[in-house]
PDB file of all heavy atoms in Angstrom:
ATOM      1  N   TYR A   1     -28.788   4.933 -16.284  1.00  0.00           N
ATOM      2  CA  TYR A   1     -29.393   5.437 -15.148  1.00  0.00           C
ATOM      3  C   TYR A   1     -28.836   6.726 -14.614  1.00  0.00           C
ATOM      4  O   TYR A   1     -27.570   6.969 -14.850  1.00  0.00           O
ATOM      5  CB  TYR A   1     -29.437   4.447 -13.947  1.00  0.00           C
ATOM      6  CG  TYR A   1     -29.907   3.112 -14.361  1.00  0.00           C
ATOM      7  CD1 TYR A   1     -28.953   2.116 -14.775  1.00  0.00           C
ATOM      8  CD2 TYR A   1     -31.215   2.793 -14.310  1.00  0.00           C
ATOM      9  CE1 TYR A   1     -29.456   0.866 -15.128  1.00  0.00           C
ATOM     10  CE2 TYR A   1     -31.741   1.573 -14.688  1.00  0.00           C
ATOM     11  CZ  TYR A   1     -30.806   0.552 -15.053  1.00  0.00           C
ATOM     12  OH  TYR A   1     -31.278  -0.651 -15.415  1.00  0.00           O
ATOM     13  N   LEU A   2     -29.466   7.515 -13.867  1.00  0.00           N
ATOM     14  CA  LEU A   2     -29.043   8.704 -13.201  1.00  0.00           C
ATOM     15  C   LEU A   2     -29.633   8.767 -11.805  1.00  0.00           C
ATOM     16  O   LEU A   2     -30.781   8.929 -11.641  1.00  0.00           O
ATOM     17  CB  LEU A   2     -29.493  10.000 -14.032  1.00  0.00           C
ATOM     18  CG  LEU A   2     -28.751  11.286 -13.350  1.00  0.00           C
ATOM     19  CD1 LEU A   2     -27.285  11.319 -13.676  1.00  0.00           C
ATOM     20  CD2 LEU A   2     -29.377  12.446 -13.970  1.00  0.00           C
ATOM     21  N   GLN A   3     -28.767   8.492 -10.884  1.00  0.00           N
ATOM     22  CA  GLN A   3     -29.221   8.521  -9.417  1.00  0.00           C
ATOM     23  C   GLN A   3     -28.897   9.906  -8.986  1.00  0.00           C
ATOM     24  O   GLN A   3     -27.730  10.520  -9.100  1.00  0.00           O
ATOM     25  CB  GLN A   3     -28.334   7.487  -8.612  1.00  0.00           C
ATOM     26  CG  GLN A   3     -28.701   7.693  -7.097  1.00  0.00           C
ATOM     27  CD  GLN A   3     -30.155   7.151  -6.762  1.00  0.00           C
ATOM     28  OE1 GLN A   3     -30.392   5.985  -7.044  1.00  0.00           O
ATOM     29  NE2 GLN A   3     -30.830   8.018  -6.144  1.00  0.00           N
ATOM     30  N   MET A   4     -29.909  10.511  -8.471  1.00  0.00           N
ATOM     31  CA  MET A   4     -29.914  11.989  -7.936  1.00  0.00           C
ATOM     32  C   MET A   4     -30.166  11.989  -6.446  1.00  0.00           C
ATOM     33  O   MET A   4     -31.143  11.461  -6.074  1.00  0.00           O
ATOM     34  CB  MET A   4     -30.744  12.857  -8.711  1.00  0.00           C
ATOM     35  CG  MET A   4     -30.674  12.778 -10.203  1.00  0.00           C
ATOM     36  SD  MET A   4     -31.661  13.957 -11.118  1.00  0.00           S
ATOM     37  CE  MET A   4     -33.356  13.256 -10.650  1.00  0.00           C
ATOM     38  N   ILE A   5     -29.263  12.548  -5.650  1.00  0.00           N
ATOM     39  CA  ILE A   5     -29.482  12.672  -4.250  1.00  0.00           C
ATOM     40  C   ILE A   5     -29.327  14.214  -3.934  1.00  0.00           C
ATOM     41  O   ILE A   5     -28.832  15.054  -4.700  1.00  0.00           O
ATOM     42  CB  ILE A   5     -28.556  11.848  -3.420  1.00  0.00           C
ATOM     43  CG1 ILE A   5     -27.007  12.343  -3.656  1.00  0.00           C
ATOM     44  CG2 ILE A   5     -28.758  10.394  -3.727  1.00  0.00           C
ATOM     45  CD1 ILE A   5     -26.124  11.681  -2.654  1.00  0.00           C
ATOM     46  N   SER A   6     -29.751  14.590  -2.681  1.00  0.00           N
ATOM     47  CA  SER A   6     -29.713  15.932  -2.230  1.00  0.00           C
ATOM     48  C   SER A   6     -30.213  16.910  -3.211  1.00  0.00           C
ATOM     49  O   SER A   6     -29.598  17.965  -3.506  1.00  0.00           O
ATOM     50  CB  SER A   6     -28.192  16.273  -1.821  1.00  0.00           C
ATOM     51  OG  SER A   6     -27.753  15.364  -0.877  1.00  0.00           O
ATOM     52  N   LEU A   7     -31.381  16.654  -3.595  1.00  0.00           N
ATOM     53  CA  LEU A   7     -31.947  17.475  -4.681  1.00  0.00           C
ATOM     54  C   LEU A   7     -32.297  18.827  -4.228  1.00  0.00           C
ATOM     55  O   LEU A   7     -32.607  19.084  -3.091  1.00  0.00           O
ATOM     56  CB  LEU A   7     -33.290  16.762  -5.237  1.00  0.00           C
ATOM     57  CG  LEU A   7     -33.014  15.583  -6.095  1.00  0.00           C
ATOM     58  CD1 LEU A   7     -34.321  14.727  -6.319  1.00  0.00           C
ATOM     59  CD2 LEU A   7     -32.492  16.035  -7.542  1.00  0.00           C
ATOM     60  N   LYS A   8     -32.095  19.766  -5.213  1.00  0.00           N
ATOM     61  CA  LYS A   8     -32.346  21.188  -4.914  1.00  0.00           C
ATOM     62  C   LYS A   8     -33.436  21.783  -5.851  1.00  0.00           C
ATOM     63  O   LYS A   8     -33.627  21.243  -6.845  1.00  0.00           O
ATOM     64  CB  LYS A   8     -31.061  21.921  -5.050  1.00  0.00           C
ATOM     65  CG  LYS A   8     -29.874  21.535  -4.270  1.00  0.00           C
ATOM     66  CD  LYS A   8     -28.607  22.264  -4.626  1.00  0.00           C
ATOM     67  CE  LYS A   8     -27.436  21.786  -3.770  1.00  0.00           C
ATOM     68  NZ  LYS A   8     -26.184  22.628  -4.150  1.00  0.00           N
ATOM     69  N   PRO A   9     -34.170  22.804  -5.450  1.00  0.00           N
ATOM     70  CA  PRO A   9     -35.085  23.334  -6.324  1.00  0.00           C
ATOM     71  C   PRO A   9     -34.640  23.624  -7.776  1.00  0.00           C
ATOM     72  O   PRO A   9     -35.325  23.516  -8.699  1.00  0.00           O
ATOM     73  CB  PRO A   9     -35.561  24.571  -5.626  1.00  0.00           C
ATOM     74  CG  PRO A   9     -35.436  24.211  -4.178  1.00  0.00           C
ATOM     75  CD  PRO A   9     -34.111  23.449  -4.141  1.00  0.00           C
ATOM     76  N   GLU A  10     -33.304  24.021  -7.817  1.00  0.00           N
ATOM     77  CA  GLU A  10     -32.744  24.415  -9.088  1.00  0.00           C
ATOM     78  C   GLU A  10     -32.415  23.131  -9.983  1.00  0.00           C
ATOM     79  O   GLU A  10     -32.064  23.377 -11.153  1.00  0.00           O
ATOM     80  CB  GLU A  10     -31.438  25.200  -8.906  1.00  0.00           C
ATOM     81  CG  GLU A  10     -30.446  24.498  -7.969  1.00  0.00           C
ATOM     82  CD  GLU A  10     -30.524  25.270  -6.539  1.00  0.00           C
ATOM     83  OE1 GLU A  10     -31.648  25.364  -6.064  1.00  0.00           O
ATOM     84  OE2 GLU A  10     -29.468  25.580  -6.007  1.00  0.00           O
ATOM     85  N   ASP A  11     -32.645  22.018  -9.392  1.00  0.00           N
ATOM     86  CA  ASP A  11     -32.603  20.719 -10.203  1.00  0.00           C
ATOM     87  C   ASP A  11     -33.845  20.562 -10.958  1.00  0.00           C
ATOM     88  O   ASP A  11     -33.892  19.655 -11.804  1.00  0.00           O
ATOM     89  CB  ASP A  11     -32.330  19.618  -9.330  1.00  0.00           C
ATOM     90  CG  ASP A  11     -30.953  19.599  -8.756  1.00  0.00           C
ATOM     91  OD1 ASP A  11     -29.993  20.037  -9.403  1.00  0.00           O
ATOM     92  OD2 ASP A  11     -30.803  19.221  -7.557  1.00  0.00           O
ATOM     93  N   THR A  12     -34.924  21.319 -10.792  1.00  0.00           N
ATOM     94  CA  THR A  12     -36.125  21.185 -11.429  1.00  0.00           C
ATOM     95  C   THR A  12     -35.954  21.269 -12.968  1.00  0.00           C
ATOM     96  O   THR A  12     -35.408  22.391 -13.351  1.00  0.00           O
ATOM     97  CB  THR A  12     -37.110  22.181 -10.900  1.00  0.00           C
ATOM     98  OG1 THR A  12     -37.469  21.896  -9.520  1.00  0.00           O
ATOM     99  CG2 THR A  12     -38.487  22.098 -11.806  1.00  0.00           C
ATOM    100  N   ALA A  13     -36.280  20.310 -13.785  1.00  0.00           N
ATOM    101  CA  ALA A  13     -35.985  20.458 -15.231  1.00  0.00           C
ATOM    102  C   ALA A  13     -36.615  19.171 -15.814  1.00  0.00           C
ATOM    103  O   ALA A  13     -37.031  18.213 -15.148  1.00  0.00           O
ATOM    104  CB  ALA A  13     -34.527  20.438 -15.533  1.00  0.00           C
ATOM    105  N   VAL A  14     -36.656  19.182 -17.119  1.00  0.00           N
ATOM    106  CA  VAL A  14     -36.940  17.950 -17.936  1.00  0.00           C
ATOM    107  C   VAL A  14     -35.637  17.280 -18.152  1.00  0.00           C
ATOM    108  O   VAL A  14     -34.733  17.995 -18.613  1.00  0.00           O
ATOM    109  CB  VAL A  14     -37.679  18.299 -19.247  1.00  0.00           C
ATOM    110  CG1 VAL A  14     -37.908  16.996 -19.979  1.00  0.00           C
ATOM    111  CG2 VAL A  14     -39.001  18.969 -19.016  1.00  0.00           C
ATOM    112  N   TYR A  15     -35.456  16.109 -17.830  1.00  0.00           N
ATOM    113  CA  TYR A  15     -34.177  15.370 -17.986  1.00  0.00           C
ATOM    114  C   TYR A  15     -34.233  14.398 -19.148  1.00  0.00           C
ATOM    115  O   TYR A  15     -35.325  13.618 -19.339  1.00  0.00           O
ATOM    116  CB  TYR A  15     -33.922  14.491 -16.635  1.00  0.00           C
ATOM    117  CG  TYR A  15     -33.380  15.426 -15.559  1.00  0.00           C
ATOM    118  CD1 TYR A  15     -34.277  16.296 -14.859  1.00  0.00           C
ATOM    119  CD2 TYR A  15     -32.001  15.469 -15.251  1.00  0.00           C
ATOM    120  CE1 TYR A  15     -33.808  17.082 -13.894  1.00  0.00           C
ATOM    121  CE2 TYR A  15     -31.592  16.180 -14.153  1.00  0.00           C
ATOM    122  CZ  TYR A  15     -32.474  17.043 -13.596  1.00  0.00           C
ATOM    123  OH  TYR A  15     -32.017  17.814 -12.554  1.00  0.00           O
ATOM    124  N   TYR A  16     -33.305  14.498 -20.038  1.00  0.00           N
ATOM    125  CA  TYR A  16     -33.279  13.749 -21.229  1.00  0.00           C
ATOM    126  C   TYR A  16     -32.086  12.794 -21.266  1.00  0.00           C
ATOM    127  O   TYR A  16     -30.960  13.067 -20.795  1.00  0.00           O
ATOM    128  CB  TYR A  16     -33.029  14.601 -22.428  1.00  0.00           C
ATOM    129  CG  TYR A  16     -34.204  15.684 -22.593  1.00  0.00           C
ATOM    130  CD1 TYR A  16     -34.094  16.955 -22.112  1.00  0.00           C
ATOM    131  CD2 TYR A  16     -35.266  15.249 -23.391  1.00  0.00           C
ATOM    132  CE1 TYR A  16     -35.161  17.814 -22.288  1.00  0.00           C
ATOM    133  CE2 TYR A  16     -36.360  16.156 -23.586  1.00  0.00           C
ATOM    134  CZ  TYR A  16     -36.237  17.462 -23.112  1.00  0.00           C
ATOM    135  OH  TYR A  16     -37.228  18.323 -23.228  1.00  0.00           O
ATOM    136  N   CYS A  17     -32.220  11.617 -21.765  1.00  0.00           N
ATOM    137  CA  CYS A  17     -31.248  10.658 -22.042  1.00  0.00           C
ATOM    138  C   CYS A  17     -30.821  10.876 -23.498  1.00  0.00           C
ATOM    139  O   CYS A  17     -31.596  11.091 -24.333  1.00  0.00           O
ATOM    140  CB  CYS A  17     -31.798   9.159 -21.910  1.00  0.00           C
ATOM    141  SG  CYS A  17     -30.699   7.936 -22.366  1.00  0.00           S
ATOM    142  N   ALA A  18     -29.417  10.780 -23.687  1.00  0.00           N
ATOM    143  CA  ALA A  18     -28.975  11.143 -25.070  1.00  0.00           C
ATOM    144  C   ALA A  18     -27.839  10.096 -25.447  1.00  0.00           C
ATOM    145  O   ALA A  18     -27.026   9.633 -24.647  1.00  0.00           O
ATOM    146  CB  ALA A  18     -28.366  12.479 -25.053  1.00  0.00           C
ATOM    147  N   LYS A  19     -27.785   9.826 -26.743  1.00  0.00           N
ATOM    148  CA  LYS A  19     -26.816   8.909 -27.245  1.00  0.00           C
ATOM    149  C   LYS A  19     -25.607   9.593 -27.760  1.00  0.00           C
ATOM    150  O   LYS A  19     -25.704  10.569 -28.463  1.00  0.00           O
ATOM    151  CB  LYS A  19     -27.461   8.173 -28.441  1.00  0.00           C
ATOM    152  CG  LYS A  19     -26.451   7.273 -29.240  1.00  0.00           C
ATOM    153  CD  LYS A  19     -27.221   6.668 -30.395  1.00  0.00           C
ATOM    154  CE  LYS A  19     -26.194   5.909 -31.332  1.00  0.00           C
ATOM    155  NZ  LYS A  19     -25.325   6.957 -31.990  1.00  0.00           N
ATOM    156  N   GLY A  20     -24.425   9.156 -27.384  1.00  0.00           N
ATOM    157  CA  GLY A  20     -23.178   9.731 -27.996  1.00  0.00           C
ATOM    158  C   GLY A  20     -22.834   9.334 -29.310  1.00  0.00           C
ATOM    159  O   GLY A  20     -23.489   8.358 -29.837  1.00  0.00           O
ATOM    160  N   VAL A  21     -21.916   9.952 -29.922  1.00  0.00           N
ATOM    161  CA  VAL A  21     -21.528   9.638 -31.286  1.00  0.00           C
ATOM    162  C   VAL A  21     -20.574   8.491 -31.442  1.00  0.00           C
ATOM    163  O   VAL A  21     -20.586   7.711 -32.382  1.00  0.00           O
ATOM    164  CB  VAL A  21     -20.990  10.885 -31.996  1.00  0.00           C
ATOM    165  CG1 VAL A  21     -20.469  10.531 -33.410  1.00  0.00           C
ATOM    166  CG2 VAL A  21     -22.023  12.009 -32.037  1.00  0.00           C
ATOM    167  N   THR A  22     -19.824   8.367 -30.335  1.00  0.00           N
ATOM    168  CA  THR A  22     -18.832   7.185 -30.273  1.00  0.00           C
ATOM    169  C   THR A  22     -18.798   6.499 -28.924  1.00  0.00           C
ATOM    170  O   THR A  22     -19.581   7.009 -28.117  1.00  0.00           O
ATOM    171  CB  THR A  22     -17.429   7.692 -30.551  1.00  0.00           C
ATOM    172  OG1 THR A  22     -16.955   8.493 -29.519  1.00  0.00           O
ATOM    173  CG2 THR A  22     -17.260   8.441 -31.864  1.00  0.00           C
ATOM    174  N   GLY A  23     -17.959   5.521 -28.667  1.00  0.00           N
ATOM    175  CA  GLY A  23     -17.925   4.911 -27.395  1.00  0.00           C
ATOM    176  C   GLY A  23     -17.331   5.729 -26.370  1.00  0.00           C
ATOM    177  O   GLY A  23     -17.641   5.506 -25.112  1.00  0.00           O
ATOM    178  N   TRP A  24     -16.618   6.841 -26.709  1.00  0.00           N
ATOM    179  CA  TRP A  24     -16.063   7.670 -25.683  1.00  0.00           C
ATOM    180  C   TRP A  24     -16.400   9.150 -25.738  1.00  0.00           C
ATOM    181  O   TRP A  24     -16.228   9.987 -24.954  1.00  0.00           O
ATOM    182  CB  TRP A  24     -14.460   7.682 -25.918  1.00  0.00           C
ATOM    183  CG  TRP A  24     -14.046   8.140 -27.246  1.00  0.00           C
ATOM    184  CD1 TRP A  24     -13.699   9.411 -27.659  1.00  0.00           C
ATOM    185  CD2 TRP A  24     -13.817   7.255 -28.360  1.00  0.00           C
ATOM    186  NE1 TRP A  24     -13.412   9.358 -29.038  1.00  0.00           N
ATOM    187  CE2 TRP A  24     -13.479   8.097 -29.485  1.00  0.00           C
ATOM    188  CE3 TRP A  24     -14.049   5.861 -28.612  1.00  0.00           C
ATOM    189  CZ2 TRP A  24     -13.346   7.590 -30.793  1.00  0.00           C
ATOM    190  CZ3 TRP A  24     -13.797   5.449 -29.844  1.00  0.00           C
ATOM    191  CH2 TRP A  24     -13.397   6.240 -30.956  1.00  0.00           C
ATOM    192  N   GLY A  25     -17.179   9.453 -26.924  1.00  0.00           N
ATOM    193  CA  GLY A  25     -17.621  10.808 -27.114  1.00  0.00           C
ATOM    194  C   GLY A  25     -18.905  11.099 -26.379  1.00  0.00           C
ATOM    195  O   GLY A  25     -19.937  10.981 -26.892  1.00  0.00           O
ATOM    196  N   ILE A  26     -18.788  11.534 -25.095  1.00  0.00           N
ATOM    197  CA  ILE A  26     -20.034  11.858 -24.366  1.00  0.00           C
ATOM    198  C   ILE A  26     -20.691  13.116 -24.817  1.00  0.00           C
ATOM    199  O   ILE A  26     -21.867  13.290 -24.587  1.00  0.00           O
ATOM    200  CB  ILE A  26     -19.651  11.849 -22.842  1.00  0.00           C
ATOM    201  CG1 ILE A  26     -18.644  12.897 -22.531  1.00  0.00           C
ATOM    202  CG2 ILE A  26     -19.222  10.521 -22.388  1.00  0.00           C
ATOM    203  CD1 ILE A  26     -18.343  13.169 -21.083  1.00  0.00           C
ATOM    204  N   ARG A  27     -19.959  13.998 -25.476  1.00  0.00           N
ATOM    205  CA  ARG A  27     -20.489  15.119 -26.071  1.00  0.00           C
ATOM    206  C   ARG A  27     -19.833  15.351 -27.408  1.00  0.00           C
ATOM    207  O   ARG A  27     -18.599  15.168 -27.622  1.00  0.00           O
ATOM    208  CB  ARG A  27     -20.274  16.380 -25.217  1.00  0.00           C
ATOM    209  CG  ARG A  27     -21.111  16.319 -24.002  1.00  0.00           C
ATOM    210  CD  ARG A  27     -20.774  17.700 -23.091  1.00  0.00           C
ATOM    211  NE  ARG A  27     -19.500  17.488 -22.496  1.00  0.00           N
ATOM    212  CZ  ARG A  27     -18.930  18.428 -21.740  1.00  0.00           C
ATOM    213  NH1 ARG A  27     -19.577  19.550 -21.460  1.00  0.00           N
ATOM    214  NH2 ARG A  27     -17.702  18.310 -21.265  1.00  0.00           N
ATOM    215  N   PRO A  28     -20.503  15.736 -28.410  1.00  0.00           N
ATOM    216  CA  PRO A  28     -21.978  15.904 -28.589  1.00  0.00           C
ATOM    217  C   PRO A  28     -22.739  14.580 -28.642  1.00  0.00           C
ATOM    218  O   PRO A  28     -22.143  13.533 -28.449  1.00  0.00           O
ATOM    219  CB  PRO A  28     -22.202  16.722 -29.821  1.00  0.00           C
ATOM    220  CG  PRO A  28     -21.105  16.214 -30.626  1.00  0.00           C
ATOM    221  CD  PRO A  28     -19.937  15.942 -29.855  1.00  0.00           C
ATOM    222  N   TYR A  29     -24.069  14.688 -28.711  1.00  0.00           N
ATOM    223  CA  TYR A  29     -24.839  13.472 -28.883  1.00  0.00           C
ATOM    224  C   TYR A  29     -25.743  13.732 -30.014  1.00  0.00           C
ATOM    225  O   TYR A  29     -26.045  14.842 -30.355  1.00  0.00           O
ATOM    226  CB  TYR A  29     -25.672  13.236 -27.557  1.00  0.00           C
ATOM    227  CG  TYR A  29     -26.060  14.420 -26.834  1.00  0.00           C
ATOM    228  CD1 TYR A  29     -27.213  15.123 -27.148  1.00  0.00           C
ATOM    229  CD2 TYR A  29     -25.437  14.809 -25.676  1.00  0.00           C
ATOM    230  CE1 TYR A  29     -27.625  16.244 -26.465  1.00  0.00           C
ATOM    231  CE2 TYR A  29     -25.785  15.885 -25.012  1.00  0.00           C
ATOM    232  CZ  TYR A  29     -26.988  16.728 -25.311  1.00  0.00           C
ATOM    233  OH  TYR A  29     -27.317  17.734 -24.717  1.00  0.00           O
TER     234      TYR A  29
END
């Protein structure tokens, strides 16, 4: 999940969920 508060116009985007390569490797996916 991604909880977003205090949203700003610059937050406008397509948001993607992505799988990491390892249990700790949040980047890359």
